[in-house]
């Protein structure tokens, strides 16, 4: 796929262009949170080896749990934002396709069987997804 074709596709779906920056920020935060978890494992092991106080160990474990929950939350937000943008654009695509489909000449509708019409619409919708 050429870059100009991709730009043309994104231009047809305005919601995807609006959400692009939000998705990028959420993805960066997700990667940072996910990559910080091994540091907690390191400090938990070090706390057991060096006999740190129970307060420091519990603080590390609480921070680790909060980071894990934040990672799951960011991933959920990313998925919901992406799904919302895809649903909005898919509805726009289907509405525009149905308008173009209804504007076809009557001879087309007489000559093509109903199952073929539905299959063409299904393939077009699957292409968007």
C-alpha atoms as a PDB file:
ATOM      1  CA  UNK A   1       0.000   0.000   0.000  1.00  0.00           C
ATOM      2  CA  UNK A   2       1.407   3.364  -0.968  1.00  0.00           C
ATOM      3  CA  UNK A   3       1.621   6.204   1.514  1.00  0.00           C
ATOM      4  CA  UNK A   4      -0.637   8.403  -0.613  1.00  0.00           C
ATOM      5  CA  UNK A   5      -3.300   5.675  -0.568  1.00  0.00           C
ATOM      6  CA  UNK A   6      -3.036   5.465   3.231  1.00  0.00           C
ATOM      7  CA  UNK A   7      -3.361   9.244   3.532  1.00  0.00           C
ATOM      8  CA  UNK A   8      -6.402   9.171   1.265  1.00  0.00           C
ATOM      9  CA  UNK A   9      -7.963   6.436   3.404  1.00  0.00           C
ATOM     10  CA  UNK A  10      -7.310   8.360   6.607  1.00  0.00           C
ATOM     11  CA  UNK A  11      -8.753  11.484   5.015  1.00  0.00           C
ATOM     12  CA  UNK A  12     -12.012   9.651   4.389  1.00  0.00           C
ATOM     13  CA  UNK A  13     -12.328   8.653   8.034  1.00  0.00           C
ATOM     14  CA  UNK A  14     -12.055  11.858  10.094  1.00  0.00           C
ATOM     15  CA  UNK A  15     -12.483  10.216  13.482  1.00  0.00           C
ATOM     16  CA  UNK A  16      -9.329   8.162  12.974  1.00  0.00           C
ATOM     17  CA  UNK A  17      -7.328  11.329  12.333  1.00  0.00           C
ATOM     18  CA  UNK A  18      -8.679  12.933  15.522  1.00  0.00           C
ATOM     19  CA  UNK A  19      -7.879   9.930  17.704  1.00  0.00           C
ATOM     20  CA  UNK A  20      -4.397   9.258  16.306  1.00  0.00           C
ATOM     21  CA  UNK A  21      -2.563  11.501  18.801  1.00  0.00           C
ATOM     22  CA  UNK A  22      -4.514  10.169  21.778  1.00  0.00           C
ATOM     23  CA  UNK A  23      -3.736   6.593  20.770  1.00  0.00           C
ATOM     24  CA  UNK A  24      -0.044   7.391  20.391  1.00  0.00           C
ATOM     25  CA  UNK A  25       0.139   8.960  23.864  1.00  0.00           C
ATOM     26  CA  UNK A  26      -1.728   6.026  25.427  1.00  0.00           C
ATOM     27  CA  UNK A  27       0.590   3.565  23.707  1.00  0.00           C
ATOM     28  CA  UNK A  28       3.716   5.383  24.946  1.00  0.00           C
ATOM     29  CA  UNK A  29       2.383   5.435  28.528  1.00  0.00           C
ATOM     30  CA  UNK A  30       1.494   1.745  28.275  1.00  0.00           C
ATOM     31  CA  UNK A  31       4.979   0.812  27.084  1.00  0.00           C
ATOM     32  CA  UNK A  32       6.620   2.868  29.848  1.00  0.00           C
ATOM     33  CA  UNK A  33       4.469   1.297  32.555  1.00  0.00           C
ATOM     34  CA  UNK A  34       4.983  -2.180  31.172  1.00  0.00           C
ATOM     35  CA  UNK A  35       8.751  -1.770  30.946  1.00  0.00           C
ATOM     36  CA  UNK A  36       8.954  -0.467  34.542  1.00  0.00           C
ATOM     37  CA  UNK A  37       7.612  -3.673  36.108  1.00  0.00           C
ATOM     38  CA  UNK A  38      10.922  -5.620  36.039  1.00  0.00           C
ATOM     39  CA  UNK A  39      12.463  -2.947  38.287  1.00  0.00           C
ATOM     40  CA  UNK A  40       9.929  -3.830  40.967  1.00  0.00           C
ATOM     41  CA  UNK A  41      10.906  -7.498  40.767  1.00  0.00           C
ATOM     42  CA  UNK A  42      14.538  -6.509  41.196  1.00  0.00           C
ATOM     43  CA  UNK A  43      13.832  -4.405  44.294  1.00  0.00           C
ATOM     44  CA  UNK A  44      11.589  -7.055  45.857  1.00  0.00           C
ATOM     45  CA  UNK A  45      14.341  -9.666  45.534  1.00  0.00           C
ATOM     46  CA  UNK A  46      16.909  -7.189  46.831  1.00  0.00           C
ATOM     47  CA  UNK A  47      14.656  -6.394  49.812  1.00  0.00           C
ATOM     48  CA  UNK A  48      14.532 -10.070  50.761  1.00  0.00           C
ATOM     49  CA  UNK A  49      18.279 -10.548  50.325  1.00  0.00           C
ATOM     50  CA  UNK A  50      19.337  -7.439  52.249  1.00  0.00           C
ATOM     51  CA  UNK A  51      16.623  -7.738  54.931  1.00  0.00           C
ATOM     52  CA  UNK A  52      15.057  -4.344  54.363  1.00  0.00           C
ATOM     53  CA  UNK A  53      12.330  -3.210  56.707  1.00  0.00           C
ATOM     54  CA  UNK A  54       8.793  -4.422  56.193  1.00  0.00           C
ATOM     55  CA  UNK A  55       7.629  -0.853  55.429  1.00  0.00           C
ATOM     56  CA  UNK A  56       9.981  -0.469  52.485  1.00  0.00           C
ATOM     57  CA  UNK A  57       9.045  -3.900  51.156  1.00  0.00           C
ATOM     58  CA  UNK A  58       5.317  -3.185  51.492  1.00  0.00           C
ATOM     59  CA  UNK A  59       5.799   0.202  49.777  1.00  0.00           C
ATOM     60  CA  UNK A  60       7.533  -1.473  46.844  1.00  0.00           C
ATOM     61  CA  UNK A  61       4.779  -4.088  46.569  1.00  0.00           C
ATOM     62  CA  UNK A  62       2.042  -1.432  46.735  1.00  0.00           C
ATOM     63  CA  UNK A  63       3.777   0.596  43.995  1.00  0.00           C
ATOM     64  CA  UNK A  64       4.095  -2.563  41.918  1.00  0.00           C
ATOM     65  CA  UNK A  65       0.379  -3.324  42.299  1.00  0.00           C
ATOM     66  CA  UNK A  66      -0.579   0.262  41.415  1.00  0.00           C
ATOM     67  CA  UNK A  67       1.671   0.158  38.349  1.00  0.00           C
ATOM     68  CA  UNK A  68       0.162  -3.164  37.249  1.00  0.00           C
ATOM     69  CA  UNK A  69      -3.381  -1.840  37.636  1.00  0.00           C
ATOM     70  CA  UNK A  70      -2.456   1.357  35.770  1.00  0.00           C
ATOM     71  CA  UNK A  71      -0.973  -0.751  32.956  1.00  0.00           C
ATOM     72  CA  UNK A  72      -4.173  -2.759  32.657  1.00  0.00           C
ATOM     73  CA  UNK A  73      -6.248   0.437  32.740  1.00  0.00           C
ATOM     74  CA  UNK A  74      -4.193   2.149  30.036  1.00  0.00           C
ATOM     75  CA  UNK A  75      -4.422  -0.938  27.837  1.00  0.00           C
ATOM     76  CA  UNK A  76      -8.204  -0.989  28.340  1.00  0.00           C
ATOM     77  CA  UNK A  77      -8.475   2.726  27.487  1.00  0.00           C
ATOM     78  CA  UNK A  78      -6.393   2.169  24.350  1.00  0.00           C
ATOM     79  CA  UNK A  79      -8.634  -0.675  23.212  1.00  0.00           C
ATOM     80  CA  UNK A  80     -11.857   1.202  23.928  1.00  0.00           C
ATOM     81  CA  UNK A  81     -10.604   4.343  22.151  1.00  0.00           C
ATOM     82  CA  UNK A  82      -9.543   2.335  19.114  1.00  0.00           C
ATOM     83  CA  UNK A  83     -12.811   0.397  19.034  1.00  0.00           C
ATOM     84  CA  UNK A  84     -14.859   3.588  19.370  1.00  0.00           C
ATOM     85  CA  UNK A  85     -13.027   5.217  16.460  1.00  0.00           C
ATOM     86  CA  UNK A  86     -13.411   2.092  14.328  1.00  0.00           C
ATOM     87  CA  UNK A  87     -17.142   1.848  15.092  1.00  0.00           C
ATOM     88  CA  UNK A  88     -17.714   5.488  14.232  1.00  0.00           C
ATOM     89  CA  UNK A  89     -15.809   5.213  10.965  1.00  0.00           C
ATOM     90  CA  UNK A  90     -17.456   1.905  10.085  1.00  0.00           C
ATOM     91  CA  UNK A  91     -20.909   3.436  10.481  1.00  0.00           C
ATOM     92  CA  UNK A  92     -19.873   6.356   8.253  1.00  0.00           C
ATOM     93  CA  UNK A  93     -18.503   3.942   5.670  1.00  0.00           C
ATOM     94  CA  UNK A  94     -21.696   1.874   5.671  1.00  0.00           C
ATOM     95  CA  UNK A  95     -23.938   4.930   5.376  1.00  0.00           C
ATOM     96  CA  UNK A  96     -21.893   6.321   2.496  1.00  0.00           C
ATOM     97  CA  UNK A  97     -21.856   2.895   0.829  1.00  0.00           C
ATOM     98  CA  UNK A  98     -25.606   2.509   1.160  1.00  0.00           C
ATOM     99  CA  UNK A  99     -26.162   5.939  -0.389  1.00  0.00           C
ATOM    100  CA  UNK A 100     -23.956   4.980  -3.324  1.00  0.00           C
ATOM    101  CA  UNK A 101     -25.649   1.588  -3.524  1.00  0.00           C
ATOM    102  CA  UNK A 102     -29.105   3.148  -3.712  1.00  0.00           C
ATOM    103  CA  UNK A 103     -27.949   5.520  -6.438  1.00  0.00           C
ATOM    104  CA  UNK A 104     -27.091   2.643  -8.795  1.00  0.00           C
ATOM    105  CA  UNK A 105     -29.329   2.272 -11.867  1.00  0.00           C
ATOM    106  CA  UNK A 106     -32.425   0.091 -11.535  1.00  0.00           C
ATOM    107  CA  UNK A 107     -31.058  -2.378 -14.132  1.00  0.00           C
ATOM    108  CA  UNK A 108     -28.289  -3.298 -11.712  1.00  0.00           C
ATOM    109  CA  UNK A 109     -30.812  -4.155  -9.009  1.00  0.00           C
ATOM    110  CA  UNK A 110     -32.852  -6.259 -11.416  1.00  0.00           C
ATOM    111  CA  UNK A 111     -29.907  -8.254 -12.765  1.00  0.00           C
ATOM    112  CA  UNK A 112     -28.029  -9.040  -9.525  1.00  0.00           C
ATOM    113  CA  UNK A 113     -29.328 -11.588  -7.036  1.00  0.00           C
ATOM    114  CA  UNK A 114     -29.966 -10.525  -3.442  1.00  0.00           C
ATOM    115  CA  UNK A 115     -27.299 -12.805  -1.965  1.00  0.00           C
ATOM    116  CA  UNK A 116     -24.613 -11.270  -4.164  1.00  0.00           C
ATOM    117  CA  UNK A 117     -25.596  -7.767  -3.071  1.00  0.00           C
ATOM    118  CA  UNK A 118     -25.346  -8.694   0.613  1.00  0.00           C
ATOM    119  CA  UNK A 119     -22.009 -10.459   0.092  1.00  0.00           C
ATOM    120  CA  UNK A 120     -20.561  -7.361  -1.553  1.00  0.00           C
ATOM    121  CA  UNK A 121     -21.655  -5.209   1.393  1.00  0.00           C
ATOM    122  CA  UNK A 122     -20.261  -7.704   3.894  1.00  0.00           C
ATOM    123  CA  UNK A 123     -16.890  -7.830   2.139  1.00  0.00           C
ATOM    124  CA  UNK A 124     -16.724  -4.029   2.065  1.00  0.00           C
ATOM    125  CA  UNK A 125     -17.486  -3.776   5.768  1.00  0.00           C
ATOM    126  CA  UNK A 126     -14.903  -6.456   6.597  1.00  0.00           C
ATOM    127  CA  UNK A 127     -12.349  -4.514   4.544  1.00  0.00           C
ATOM    128  CA  UNK A 128     -12.877  -1.462   6.756  1.00  0.00           C
ATOM    129  CA  UNK A 129     -12.359  -3.528   9.891  1.00  0.00           C
END
